[in-house]
Protein backbone atom coordinates (compact mmCIF):
# COMPACT_ATOMS: atom_id res chain seq x y z
CA MET A 1 -0.09 -0.02 0.01
CA LYS A 2 1.40 3.44 -0.96
CA LEU A 3 0.80 6.98 -1.41
CA LEU A 4 1.09 7.68 -5.14
CA THR A 5 0.64 11.44 -5.01
CA VAL A 6 0.09 14.34 -2.45
CA ASN A 7 -2.24 16.82 -4.07
CA THR A 8 -2.94 20.46 -3.09
CA GLY A 9 -5.17 23.15 -4.63
CA ARG A 10 -5.05 27.03 -4.83
CA PRO A 11 -8.11 29.13 -4.70
CA ARG A 12 -9.73 29.29 -8.10
CA PRO A 13 -12.95 31.04 -9.37
CA SER A 14 -15.95 28.59 -10.07
CA ALA A 15 -19.35 29.37 -11.04
CA HIS A 16 -20.49 26.14 -9.18
CA THR A 17 -19.59 27.09 -5.57
CA ALA A 18 -21.32 29.17 -2.72
CA GLY A 19 -17.73 29.62 -1.24
CA PRO A 20 -16.60 33.22 -0.26
CA GLY A 21 -15.79 35.23 -3.41
CA GLY A 22 -16.92 32.36 -5.76
CA LEU A 23 -13.46 30.45 -5.05
CA THR A 24 -12.92 26.78 -4.58
CA GLY A 25 -9.79 24.77 -3.84
CA ILE A 26 -11.22 21.38 -5.18
CA ASP A 27 -8.90 21.44 -8.31
CA LYS A 28 -5.90 19.75 -6.66
CA ARG A 29 -2.62 18.92 -8.54
CA PRO A 30 0.33 16.62 -7.52
CA VAL A 31 3.05 18.40 -5.73
CA LYS A 32 6.72 17.51 -5.46
CA GLY A 33 8.79 17.24 -2.23
CA PRO A 34 7.65 16.90 1.40
CA VAL A 35 4.30 18.41 2.50
CA GLU A 36 3.47 18.94 6.27
CA VAL A 37 0.17 17.62 7.63
CA GLY A 38 -1.18 18.42 10.85
CA ASP A 39 -4.64 19.28 12.53
CA PRO A 40 -6.04 22.42 11.15
CA GLY A 41 -8.56 23.10 13.97
CA PRO A 42 -12.13 23.06 14.20
CA LYS A 43 -14.65 23.22 11.45
CA GLY A 44 -15.49 26.81 10.50
CA VAL A 45 -12.14 27.88 11.67
CA GLY A 46 -9.67 25.51 10.18
CA GLY A 47 -9.20 24.47 6.62
CA SER A 48 -7.12 21.79 5.29
CA GLY A 49 -4.58 19.82 7.12
CA LEU A 50 -1.85 20.00 4.31
CA ALA A 51 0.40 23.04 3.99
CA GLY A 52 -0.22 24.98 1.00
CA ASP A 53 -3.93 23.46 0.41
CA ALA A 54 -6.65 25.78 0.10
CA VAL A 55 -10.26 25.25 1.56
CA CYS A 56 -12.29 28.19 0.66
CA ASP A 57 -15.81 27.28 2.05
CA THR A 58 -14.94 26.42 5.71
CA ARG A 59 -18.59 26.16 6.48
CA HIS A 60 -18.86 22.79 4.77
CA HIS A 61 -15.25 21.58 4.23
CA GLY A 62 -12.12 21.28 6.16
CA GLY A 63 -11.63 21.35 10.00
CA SER A 64 -10.23 18.51 12.25
CA ASP A 65 -12.54 15.87 11.32
CA GLN A 66 -12.15 16.51 7.54
CA ALA A 67 -8.62 17.48 7.58
CA MET A 68 -7.81 15.67 4.28
CA TYR A 69 -9.39 13.54 1.79
CA ALA A 70 -8.12 10.12 0.17
CA PHE A 71 -9.28 8.37 -2.94
CA ALA A 72 -7.99 5.21 -4.41
CA ARG A 73 -6.28 5.14 -7.84
CA GLU A 74 -8.14 1.96 -8.49
CA GLU A 75 -11.51 3.80 -8.12
CA LEU A 76 -10.40 6.53 -10.46
CA ASP A 77 -9.57 3.82 -13.04
CA ALA A 78 -12.93 2.32 -12.56
CA TRP A 79 -14.46 5.73 -13.20
CA GLU A 80 -12.36 6.15 -16.27
CA ARG A 81 -14.03 3.12 -17.61
CA GLU A 82 -17.40 4.21 -16.53
CA LEU A 83 -17.02 7.49 -18.16
CA GLY A 84 -15.96 6.16 -21.50
CA GLY A 85 -12.18 6.24 -21.31
CA ARG A 86 -11.99 9.95 -19.98
CA LYS A 87 -8.66 10.32 -18.29
CA LEU A 88 -8.78 11.33 -14.55
CA ALA A 89 -5.61 12.74 -13.13
CA ASN A 90 -4.52 12.03 -9.61
CA GLY A 91 -6.41 14.79 -7.59
CA MET A 92 -9.19 15.22 -10.09
CA PHE A 93 -11.73 14.25 -7.35
CA GLY A 94 -10.30 16.92 -5.03
CA GLU A 95 -8.41 14.30 -2.99
CA ASN A 96 -5.26 15.21 -1.17
CA PHE A 97 -3.95 11.59 -1.08
CA THR A 98 -4.30 9.38 -4.17
CA THR A 99 -3.36 5.80 -3.03
CA ARG A 100 -2.52 2.49 -4.45
CA GLY A 101 -3.37 -0.98 -3.02
CA LEU A 102 -5.67 0.49 -0.24
CA ASP A 103 -9.45 0.05 -0.15
CA VAL A 104 -10.21 3.42 1.01
CA SER A 105 -13.92 3.42 0.72
CA GLY A 106 -13.86 0.01 2.47
CA ALA A 107 -11.87 1.38 5.45
CA LEU A 108 -13.51 1.20 8.85
CA ILE A 109 -14.55 4.36 10.63
CA GLY A 110 -11.63 4.78 13.28
CA GLU A 111 -9.21 2.69 11.19
CA ARG A 112 -5.63 4.39 11.34
CA TRP A 113 -3.04 4.51 8.92
CA ARG A 114 0.58 5.40 9.34
CA VAL A 115 1.89 7.20 6.23
CA GLY A 116 5.47 7.54 5.86
CA ALA A 117 7.56 7.88 8.97
CA ASP A 118 5.47 10.04 11.36
CA LEU A 119 1.88 10.91 10.01
CA VAL A 120 -0.91 8.91 11.58
CA LEU A 121 -4.58 9.37 10.24
CA GLU A 122 -7.79 8.28 11.41
CA VAL A 123 -10.84 7.60 9.05
CA THR A 124 -13.88 9.63 9.99
CA SER A 125 -16.58 9.28 7.12
CA GLY A 126 -17.01 9.05 3.46
CA ARG A 127 -17.36 12.01 1.17
CA ILE A 128 -20.74 13.57 0.32
CA PRO A 129 -20.77 14.91 -3.42
CA CYS A 130 -21.69 18.51 -3.71
CA ARG A 131 -22.51 21.03 -6.53
CA THR A 132 -18.81 22.22 -6.64
CA PHE A 133 -17.69 18.59 -7.20
CA ALA A 134 -20.41 18.11 -9.90
CA GLY A 135 -19.25 21.45 -11.76
CA HIS A 136 -15.78 20.73 -11.38
CA LEU A 137 -16.22 17.18 -13.06
CA GLY A 138 -18.70 18.43 -15.73
CA GLU A 139 -20.43 15.08 -16.11
CA GLU A 140 -24.33 14.99 -16.39
CA GLY A 141 -26.05 13.77 -13.31
CA TRP A 142 -22.82 13.51 -11.48
CA VAL A 143 -24.12 13.71 -7.77
CA ARG A 144 -26.59 10.86 -8.58
CA ARG A 145 -24.09 8.75 -10.30
CA PHE A 146 -21.35 9.22 -7.56
CA THR A 147 -24.04 8.42 -4.73
CA ARG A 148 -25.09 5.27 -6.59
CA GLN A 149 -21.69 3.95 -6.91
CA ALA A 150 -20.96 4.65 -2.96
CA ALA A 151 -17.17 4.37 -3.72
CA THR A 152 -16.67 7.52 -1.57
CA GLY A 153 -13.15 7.66 -0.53
CA ALA A 154 -12.56 8.70 3.02
CA TYR A 155 -11.99 11.77 5.14
CA LEU A 156 -9.63 11.54 7.81
CA ARG A 157 -8.40 13.41 10.88
CA VAL A 158 -4.82 13.84 12.00
CA ILE A 159 -3.64 11.84 15.14
CA GLU A 160 0.01 12.51 14.68
CA PRO A 161 1.27 15.23 12.50
CA GLY A 162 4.06 14.67 10.04
CA ALA A 163 5.62 15.18 6.51
CA VAL A 164 4.65 13.02 3.72
CA ARG A 165 5.59 12.72 -0.08
CA ALA A 166 4.58 10.74 -3.09
CA GLY A 167 5.87 7.18 -2.89
CA ASP A 168 5.49 6.78 0.94
CA ARG A 169 4.33 3.59 2.35
CA ILE A 170 0.96 3.39 4.04
CA GLU A 171 0.53 0.92 6.90
CA ILE A 172 -2.87 0.22 8.64
CA VAL A 173 -1.73 0.28 12.36
CA HIS A 174 -5.16 -0.01 13.83
CA ARG A 175 -8.50 -1.58 12.86
CA PRO A 176 -11.51 -1.09 15.29
CA ASP A 177 -13.70 -3.93 16.36
CA HIS A 178 -16.93 -3.03 14.27
CA GLU A 179 -17.99 -3.22 10.61
CA VAL A 180 -18.87 0.44 9.79
CA THR A 181 -16.99 1.42 6.74
CA ALA A 182 -16.67 4.72 5.03
CA ALA A 183 -18.97 3.37 2.24
CA LEU A 184 -21.54 2.10 4.68
CA GLN A 185 -21.60 5.43 6.55
CA PHE A 186 -22.20 7.16 3.21
CA ARG A 187 -25.04 4.93 2.30
CA ALA A 188 -26.60 5.48 5.84
CA VAL A 189 -26.71 9.36 5.46
CA THR A 190 -27.80 9.27 1.85
CA THR A 191 -29.90 6.53 0.29
CA GLU A 192 -30.32 3.95 3.12
CA ARG A 193 -31.34 5.73 6.26
CA THR A 194 -32.40 2.39 7.88
CA LEU A 195 -28.53 1.80 8.26
CA LEU A 196 -27.99 4.75 10.51
CA PRO A 197 -28.45 2.89 13.84
CA ALA A 198 -25.37 0.58 12.73
CA LEU A 199 -23.17 3.79 12.73
CA LEU A 200 -23.37 3.94 16.49
CA ALA A 201 -20.90 1.07 16.70
CA ALA A 202 -18.24 3.41 15.33
CA GLY A 203 -18.64 5.64 18.42
CA ALA A 204 -16.59 8.76 18.80
CA ALA A 205 -14.22 7.99 15.88
CA LEU A 206 -17.30 8.91 13.63
CA HIS A 207 -17.48 12.35 12.13
CA PRO A 208 -19.52 14.21 14.55
CA GLN A 209 -22.20 15.31 12.20
CA ALA A 210 -22.91 11.63 11.17
CA LEU A 211 -22.89 10.48 14.80
CA ARG A 212 -25.48 13.15 15.68
CA THR A 213 -27.56 12.20 12.53
CA ALA A 214 -27.70 8.55 13.78
CA ARG A 215 -28.55 9.41 17.42
CA GLU A 216 -31.33 11.59 16.09
CA TYR A 217 -32.74 8.87 13.85
CA VAL A 218 -32.53 6.21 16.87
CA ALA A 219 -34.19 8.68 19.13
CA ARG A 220 -37.04 9.37 16.65
CA GLN A 221 -37.53 5.65 15.92
CA GLY A 222 -37.60 4.83 19.52
């Protein structure tokens, strides 16, 4: 399992974002050399966990529980076939880490990865597609198609900061004792609400918003 590329984005104008000034950092490109990764701070205040990476709309993106986003190269390859051979460069889905040999969407909530020598990350949730993502891809019905596929990639929080670079090894150093994956969490909060009670098994490792949604659902259902 390895880190193929580290991808960062600069603020760019977009007609598809409600971010301040109409700017988005979703257009991420691979960078050379080491990149420092750390906890950016609470949502609404902190942005990306990667040095040099822009998060323009901190109301909905970034913060400690979404410090960075990972997506598997294998899933990008699958989408290339799905989209009729369209080439999707690393970073095209707005991911900070493009990985190889790691089932990112199938990662357990609370699973921890060591990347390189020092960085330790923890999986918090899958990625919900938004209008900005759809506009960036420019594919008809993109939100619906991405949701149906449920290969979401994973948001992660930073447990131990560190510097990483393309080619670094990724090691799974902890797997929690439950079956709640990033993909299952995504399905529960989007298309299969009856799965919400199952999310509670992930406990505090789950993204706070998803955990709150699951608890409210259970309370309403009795």
